[in-house]
Amino acid sequence: MSDENLDFTSKIVIWCSKNIKYIAFGAAIGISIPLSWNYHQYTQEKDNLVASELYNELIDLVKTEEEYKHIENILSLDYKNSIYDILSKFVISKKEFESKNYNIAKEYLEEIININANETYNSLAMIKISLINIEEKKYDEALIYIEKVGLKDAFKQVLFEIKGDIYKFKGDKENALKYYTEAIDSSAINNENLLMKKNSVKN
């Protein structure tokens, strides 16, 4: 080895001995970051598995309203804002709607909107709130929620049909006909139900 290389190697050794604690710290950070990330992924996957089991229990096994709410509370507290928390709120909202507890059903849907996980869930929640408002004969409020739906193209046929229903119930046959026609035009299949609705408002 040349004197020049020896001199360079000596400088590295001297520098390392002076900075050993910083090198060790850097190595520890380099190892701990991927380890902590892997652990984070592991705990997330573990949590998702538990939440998934609870959700499946919610939809498959649970019979009473008290049991539904107990599991939904666990999901809301321990797995807050997870996909299963959101789906459980949809399930509970549906149960409350079927029991004609419309205000409670809407509260669960509003919680989904406030979580704001993605536009699809928000849009579905708004559509469902609109349908509950129709059931309560709150037609103007139903229209407000329909207008709030973000994914208008994805839910085009549904939105037009709901608007047709709202205007039909309000006694506005002209607008009802307009929106039923647009719903039919947006449908990929021949929809007998929509055709019947359209015919029901024709003069």
C-alpha atoms as a PDB file:
ATOM      1  CA  MET A   1       0.000   0.000   0.000  1.00  0.00           C
ATOM      2  CA  SER A   2       1.386   3.457  -0.916  1.00  0.00           C
ATOM      3  CA  ASP A   3       2.210   6.068   1.716  1.00  0.00           C
ATOM      4  CA  GLU A   4      -0.604   8.159   0.340  1.00  0.00           C
ATOM      5  CA  ASN A   5      -3.146   5.354   0.899  1.00  0.00           C
ATOM      6  CA  LEU A   6      -1.777   4.652   4.361  1.00  0.00           C
ATOM      7  CA  ASP A   7      -2.084   8.320   5.241  1.00  0.00           C
ATOM      8  CA  PHE A   8      -5.697   8.380   3.984  1.00  0.00           C
ATOM      9  CA  THR A   9      -6.570   5.196   5.943  1.00  0.00           C
ATOM     10  CA  SER A  10      -5.026   6.643   9.095  1.00  0.00           C
ATOM     11  CA  LYS A  11      -7.121   9.779   8.729  1.00  0.00           C
ATOM     12  CA  ILE A  12     -10.305   7.657   8.457  1.00  0.00           C
ATOM     13  CA  VAL A  13      -9.373   5.655  11.577  1.00  0.00           C
ATOM     14  CA  ILE A  14      -8.646   8.853  13.532  1.00  0.00           C
ATOM     15  CA  TRP A  15     -11.889  10.470  12.365  1.00  0.00           C
ATOM     16  CA  CYS A  16     -13.896   7.318  13.265  1.00  0.00           C
ATOM     17  CA  SER A  17     -12.382   7.123  16.747  1.00  0.00           C
ATOM     18  CA  LYS A  18     -13.273  10.761  17.401  1.00  0.00           C
ATOM     19  CA  ASN A  19     -16.822  10.396  16.051  1.00  0.00           C
ATOM     20  CA  ILE A  20     -17.673   6.865  17.152  1.00  0.00           C
ATOM     21  CA  LYS A  21     -20.747   7.904  19.184  1.00  0.00           C
ATOM     22  CA  TYR A  22     -22.241   9.743  16.191  1.00  0.00           C
ATOM     23  CA  ILE A  23     -21.566   6.772  13.904  1.00  0.00           C
ATOM     24  CA  ALA A  24     -23.187   4.411  16.415  1.00  0.00           C
ATOM     25  CA  PHE A  25     -26.167   6.757  16.756  1.00  0.00           C
ATOM     26  CA  GLY A  26     -26.556   6.958  12.984  1.00  0.00           C
ATOM     27  CA  ALA A  27     -26.373   3.173  12.658  1.00  0.00           C
ATOM     28  CA  ALA A  28     -28.977   2.779  15.403  1.00  0.00           C
ATOM     29  CA  ILE A  29     -31.299   5.223  13.623  1.00  0.00           C
ATOM     30  CA  GLY A  30     -30.722   3.428  10.321  1.00  0.00           C
ATOM     31  CA  ILE A  31     -31.746   0.125  11.880  1.00  0.00           C
ATOM     32  CA  SER A  32     -34.559   1.434  14.089  1.00  0.00           C
ATOM     33  CA  ILE A  33     -36.464   3.272  11.335  1.00  0.00           C
ATOM     34  CA  PRO A  34     -37.237   0.182   9.207  1.00  0.00           C
ATOM     35  CA  LEU A  35     -37.798  -1.885  12.350  1.00  0.00           C
ATOM     36  CA  SER A  36     -40.268   0.628  13.777  1.00  0.00           C
ATOM     37  CA  TRP A  37     -41.982   0.916  10.377  1.00  0.00           C
ATOM     38  CA  ASN A  38     -42.314  -2.874  10.186  1.00  0.00           C
ATOM     39  CA  TYR A  39     -43.669  -2.947  13.729  1.00  0.00           C
ATOM     40  CA  HIS A  40     -46.138  -0.186  12.863  1.00  0.00           C
ATOM     41  CA  GLN A  41     -47.300  -2.199   9.840  1.00  0.00           C
ATOM     42  CA  TYR A  42     -47.564  -5.317  11.997  1.00  0.00           C
ATOM     43  CA  THR A  43     -49.703  -3.568  14.634  1.00  0.00           C
ATOM     44  CA  GLN A  44     -51.872  -2.006  11.930  1.00  0.00           C
ATOM     45  CA  GLU A  45     -52.443  -5.387  10.286  1.00  0.00           C
ATOM     46  CA  LYS A  46     -53.162  -6.946  13.677  1.00  0.00           C
ATOM     47  CA  ASP A  47     -55.659  -4.188  14.507  1.00  0.00           C
ATOM     48  CA  ASN A  48     -57.304  -4.577  11.118  1.00  0.00           C
ATOM     49  CA  LEU A  49     -57.689  -8.329  11.682  1.00  0.00           C
ATOM     50  CA  VAL A  50     -59.355  -7.779  15.050  1.00  0.00           C
ATOM     51  CA  ALA A  51     -61.581  -5.025  13.636  1.00  0.00           C
ATOM     52  CA  SER A  52     -62.448  -7.272  10.706  1.00  0.00           C
ATOM     53  CA  GLU A  53     -63.521 -10.075  13.042  1.00  0.00           C
ATOM     54  CA  LEU A  54     -65.671  -7.674  15.050  1.00  0.00           C
ATOM     55  CA  TYR A  55     -67.283  -6.331  11.887  1.00  0.00           C
ATOM     56  CA  ASN A  56     -68.008  -9.842  10.609  1.00  0.00           C
ATOM     57  CA  GLU A  57     -69.546 -10.635  13.980  1.00  0.00           C
ATOM     58  CA  LEU A  58     -71.633  -7.495  13.629  1.00  0.00           C
ATOM     59  CA  ILE A  59     -73.140  -8.507  10.304  1.00  0.00           C
ATOM     60  CA  ASP A  60     -73.260 -12.310  10.701  1.00  0.00           C
ATOM     61  CA  LEU A  61     -73.828 -13.269  14.300  1.00  0.00           C
ATOM     62  CA  VAL A  62     -75.336 -10.406  16.235  1.00  0.00           C
ATOM     63  CA  LYS A  63     -79.098 -10.393  16.661  1.00  0.00           C
ATOM     64  CA  THR A  64     -80.080  -7.759  19.208  1.00  0.00           C
ATOM     65  CA  GLU A  65     -79.787  -3.991  18.954  1.00  0.00           C
ATOM     66  CA  GLU A  66     -77.773  -3.912  22.207  1.00  0.00           C
ATOM     67  CA  GLU A  67     -75.192  -6.316  20.772  1.00  0.00           C
ATOM     68  CA  TYR A  68     -74.924  -4.287  17.575  1.00  0.00           C
ATOM     69  CA  LYS A  69     -74.281  -1.100  19.513  1.00  0.00           C
ATOM     70  CA  HIS A  70     -71.790  -2.791  21.844  1.00  0.00           C
ATOM     71  CA  ILE A  71     -69.634  -3.995  18.952  1.00  0.00           C
ATOM     72  CA  GLU A  72     -69.983  -0.689  17.110  1.00  0.00           C
ATOM     73  CA  ASN A  73     -68.773   1.102  20.268  1.00  0.00           C
ATOM     74  CA  ILE A  74     -65.701  -1.127  20.438  1.00  0.00           C
ATOM     75  CA  LEU A  75     -64.913  -0.429  16.785  1.00  0.00           C
ATOM     76  CA  SER A  76     -65.433   3.318  17.280  1.00  0.00           C
ATOM     77  CA  LEU A  77     -63.244   3.503  20.378  1.00  0.00           C
ATOM     78  CA  ASP A  78     -60.433   1.036  19.640  1.00  0.00           C
ATOM     79  CA  TYR A  79     -60.383   1.124  15.833  1.00  0.00           C
ATOM     80  CA  LYS A  80     -61.567   4.660  15.266  1.00  0.00           C
ATOM     81  CA  ASN A  81     -61.796   5.808  11.634  1.00  0.00           C
ATOM     82  CA  SER A  82     -60.795   2.380  10.318  1.00  0.00           C
ATOM     83  CA  ILE A  83     -62.682   0.944   7.373  1.00  0.00           C
ATOM     84  CA  TYR A  84     -64.541  -1.336   9.787  1.00  0.00           C
ATOM     85  CA  ASP A  85     -65.571   1.567  12.000  1.00  0.00           C
ATOM     86  CA  ILE A  86     -67.093   3.226   8.927  1.00  0.00           C
ATOM     87  CA  LEU A  87     -68.797   0.063   7.664  1.00  0.00           C
ATOM     88  CA  SER A  88     -70.211  -0.665  11.128  1.00  0.00           C
ATOM     89  CA  LYS A  89     -71.770   2.811  11.178  1.00  0.00           C
ATOM     90  CA  PHE A  90     -73.461   2.046   7.852  1.00  0.00           C
ATOM     91  CA  VAL A  91     -74.813  -1.217   9.313  1.00  0.00           C
ATOM     92  CA  ILE A  92     -76.090   0.410  12.512  1.00  0.00           C
ATOM     93  CA  SER A  93     -77.609   3.297  10.540  1.00  0.00           C
ATOM     94  CA  LYS A  94     -79.513   0.790   8.394  1.00  0.00           C
ATOM     95  CA  LYS A  95     -80.786  -1.000  11.504  1.00  0.00           C
ATOM     96  CA  GLU A  96     -81.930   2.282  13.034  1.00  0.00           C
ATOM     97  CA  PHE A  97     -83.625   3.264   9.775  1.00  0.00           C
ATOM     98  CA  GLU A  98     -85.497  -0.045   9.673  1.00  0.00           C
ATOM     99  CA  SER A  99     -86.652   0.640  13.246  1.00  0.00           C
ATOM    100  CA  LYS A 100     -87.796   4.112  12.107  1.00  0.00           C
ATOM    101  CA  ASN A 101     -85.256   5.804  14.385  1.00  0.00           C
ATOM    102  CA  TYR A 102     -84.477   8.291  11.647  1.00  0.00           C
ATOM    103  CA  ASN A 103     -82.546  10.858  13.687  1.00  0.00           C
ATOM    104  CA  ILE A 104     -80.206   8.221  15.117  1.00  0.00           C
ATOM    105  CA  ALA A 105     -79.741   6.707  11.649  1.00  0.00           C
ATOM    106  CA  LYS A 106     -78.726  10.136  10.328  1.00  0.00           C
ATOM    107  CA  GLU A 107     -76.319  10.684  13.229  1.00  0.00           C
ATOM    108  CA  TYR A 108     -74.308   7.596  12.272  1.00  0.00           C
ATOM    109  CA  LEU A 109     -74.189   8.747   8.657  1.00  0.00           C
ATOM    110  CA  GLU A 110     -73.069  12.229   9.707  1.00  0.00           C
ATOM    111  CA  GLU A 111     -70.258  10.587  11.708  1.00  0.00           C
ATOM    112  CA  ILE A 112     -69.100   8.846   8.516  1.00  0.00           C
ATOM    113  CA  ILE A 113     -69.060  12.183   6.685  1.00  0.00           C
ATOM    114  CA  ASN A 114     -67.096  13.781   9.544  1.00  0.00           C
ATOM    115  CA  ILE A 115     -64.511  10.973   9.448  1.00  0.00           C
ATOM    116  CA  ASN A 116     -64.049  11.938   5.782  1.00  0.00           C
ATOM    117  CA  ALA A 117     -62.200   8.735   4.838  1.00  0.00           C
ATOM    118  CA  ASN A 118     -62.922   9.134   1.139  1.00  0.00           C
ATOM    119  CA  GLU A 119     -65.419  10.621  -1.287  1.00  0.00           C
ATOM    120  CA  THR A 120     -67.175   7.325  -1.969  1.00  0.00           C
ATOM    121  CA  TYR A 121     -68.229   6.779   1.651  1.00  0.00           C
ATOM    122  CA  ASN A 122     -69.150  10.452   2.017  1.00  0.00           C
ATOM    123  CA  SER A 123     -71.300  10.318  -1.111  1.00  0.00           C
ATOM    124  CA  LEU A 124     -73.051   7.124   0.007  1.00  0.00           C
ATOM    125  CA  ALA A 125     -73.732   8.618   3.440  1.00  0.00           C
ATOM    126  CA  MET A 126     -75.208  11.772   1.889  1.00  0.00           C
ATOM    127  CA  ILE A 127     -77.417   9.734  -0.431  1.00  0.00           C
ATOM    128  CA  LYS A 128     -78.673   7.702   2.515  1.00  0.00           C
ATOM    129  CA  ILE A 129     -79.370  10.857   4.558  1.00  0.00           C
ATOM    130  CA  SER A 130     -81.319  12.207   1.600  1.00  0.00           C
ATOM    131  CA  LEU A 131     -83.413   9.019   1.486  1.00  0.00           C
ATOM    132  CA  ILE A 132     -84.130   9.300   5.212  1.00  0.00           C
ATOM    133  CA  ASN A 133     -85.228  12.911   4.698  1.00  0.00           C
ATOM    134  CA  ILE A 134     -87.593  11.739   1.963  1.00  0.00           C
ATOM    135  CA  GLU A 135     -89.017   9.172   4.374  1.00  0.00           C
ATOM    136  CA  GLU A 136     -89.601  12.037   6.823  1.00  0.00           C
ATOM    137  CA  LYS A 137     -91.152  14.139   4.025  1.00  0.00           C
ATOM    138  CA  LYS A 138     -88.336  16.711   4.376  1.00  0.00           C
ATOM    139  CA  TYR A 139     -87.992  17.104   0.639  1.00  0.00           C
ATOM    140  CA  ASP A 140     -86.019  20.348   0.558  1.00  0.00           C
ATOM    141  CA  GLU A 141     -83.446  18.917   2.980  1.00  0.00           C
ATOM    142  CA  ALA A 142     -83.261  15.793   0.844  1.00  0.00           C
ATOM    143  CA  LEU A 143     -82.407  17.929  -2.185  1.00  0.00           C
ATOM    144  CA  ILE A 144     -79.704  19.785  -0.235  1.00  0.00           C
ATOM    145  CA  TYR A 145     -77.939  16.503   0.575  1.00  0.00           C
ATOM    146  CA  ILE A 146     -78.255  15.263  -3.005  1.00  0.00           C
ATOM    147  CA  GLU A 147     -76.527  18.441  -4.195  1.00  0.00           C
ATOM    148  CA  LYS A 148     -73.714  17.847  -1.676  1.00  0.00           C
ATOM    149  CA  VAL A 149     -72.813  14.455  -3.188  1.00  0.00           C
ATOM    150  CA  GLY A 150     -69.273  14.700  -4.543  1.00  0.00           C
ATOM    151  CA  LEU A 151     -69.241  11.720  -6.935  1.00  0.00           C
ATOM    152  CA  LYS A 152     -72.095  12.904  -9.108  1.00  0.00           C
ATOM    153  CA  ASP A 153     -70.936  11.031 -12.222  1.00  0.00           C
ATOM    154  CA  ALA A 154     -70.439   7.742 -10.379  1.00  0.00           C
ATOM    155  CA  PHE A 155     -73.935   7.919  -8.841  1.00  0.00           C
ATOM    156  CA  LYS A 156     -75.602   9.700 -11.767  1.00  0.00           C
ATOM    157  CA  GLN A 157     -78.568   7.360 -12.257  1.00  0.00           C
ATOM    158  CA  VAL A 158     -79.287   7.094  -8.517  1.00  0.00           C
ATOM    159  CA  LEU A 159     -79.146  10.864  -8.023  1.00  0.00           C
ATOM    160  CA  PHE A 160     -81.475  11.569 -10.952  1.00  0.00           C
ATOM    161  CA  GLU A 161     -83.936   8.937  -9.719  1.00  0.00           C
ATOM    162  CA  ILE A 162     -83.939  10.353  -6.179  1.00  0.00           C
ATOM    163  CA  LYS A 163     -84.487  13.851  -7.557  1.00  0.00           C
ATOM    164  CA  GLY A 164     -87.378  12.485  -9.613  1.00  0.00           C
ATOM    165  CA  ASP A 165     -88.871  10.960  -6.464  1.00  0.00           C
ATOM    166  CA  ILE A 166     -88.472  14.189  -4.504  1.00  0.00           C
ATOM    167  CA  TYR A 167     -90.200  16.286  -7.146  1.00  0.00           C
ATOM    168  CA  LYS A 168     -92.937  13.686  -7.562  1.00  0.00           C
ATOM    169  CA  PHE A 169     -93.664  13.798  -3.821  1.00  0.00           C
ATOM    170  CA  LYS A 170     -93.619  17.593  -3.956  1.00  0.00           C
ATOM    171  CA  GLY A 171     -96.257  17.473  -6.681  1.00  0.00           C
ATOM    172  CA  ASP A 172     -93.908  18.872  -9.359  1.00  0.00           C
ATOM    173  CA  LYS A 173     -94.599  16.435 -12.201  1.00  0.00           C
ATOM    174  CA  GLU A 174     -92.625  18.414 -14.759  1.00  0.00           C
ATOM    175  CA  ASN A 175     -89.352  18.192 -12.854  1.00  0.00           C
ATOM    176  CA  ALA A 176     -90.117  14.627 -11.771  1.00  0.00           C
ATOM    177  CA  LEU A 177     -90.514  13.625 -15.440  1.00  0.00           C
ATOM    178  CA  LYS A 178     -87.306  15.465 -16.341  1.00  0.00           C
ATOM    179  CA  TYR A 179     -85.206  13.642 -13.736  1.00  0.00           C
ATOM    180  CA  TYR A 180     -86.763  10.224 -14.314  1.00  0.00           C
ATOM    181  CA  THR A 181     -85.972  10.637 -18.023  1.00  0.00           C
ATOM    182  CA  GLU A 182     -82.361  11.565 -17.190  1.00  0.00           C
ATOM    183  CA  ALA A 183     -82.118   8.562 -14.849  1.00  0.00           C
ATOM    184  CA  ILE A 184     -83.319   6.255 -17.642  1.00  0.00           C
ATOM    185  CA  ASP A 185     -80.859   7.806 -20.090  1.00  0.00           C
ATOM    186  CA  SER A 186     -78.047   7.253 -17.549  1.00  0.00           C
ATOM    187  CA  SER A 187     -78.978   3.617 -16.919  1.00  0.00           C
ATOM    188  CA  ALA A 188     -76.924   0.887 -18.567  1.00  0.00           C
ATOM    189  CA  ILE A 189     -79.893  -1.502 -18.586  1.00  0.00           C
ATOM    190  CA  ASN A 190     -83.616  -1.313 -19.242  1.00  0.00           C
ATOM    191  CA  ASN A 191     -84.975  -0.345 -15.847  1.00  0.00           C
ATOM    192  CA  GLU A 192     -88.624  -1.324 -15.553  1.00  0.00           C
ATOM    193  CA  ASN A 193     -89.005   0.417 -12.194  1.00  0.00           C
ATOM    194  CA  LEU A 194     -87.764   3.715 -13.632  1.00  0.00           C
ATOM    195  CA  LEU A 195     -90.070   3.381 -16.633  1.00  0.00           C
ATOM    196  CA  MET A 196     -93.028   2.865 -14.294  1.00  0.00           C
ATOM    197  CA  LYS A 197     -92.034   5.957 -12.290  1.00  0.00           C
ATOM    198  CA  LYS A 198     -91.701   7.990 -15.464  1.00  0.00           C
ATOM    199  CA  ASN A 199     -95.094   6.866 -16.726  1.00  0.00           C
ATOM    200  CA  SER A 200     -96.676   7.701 -13.362  1.00  0.00           C
ATOM    201  CA  VAL A 201     -95.869  11.416 -13.754  1.00  0.00           C
ATOM    202  CA  LYS A 202     -96.700  11.776 -17.443  1.00  0.00           C
ATOM    203  CA  ASN A 203     -99.632  14.088 -18.122  1.00  0.00           C
END
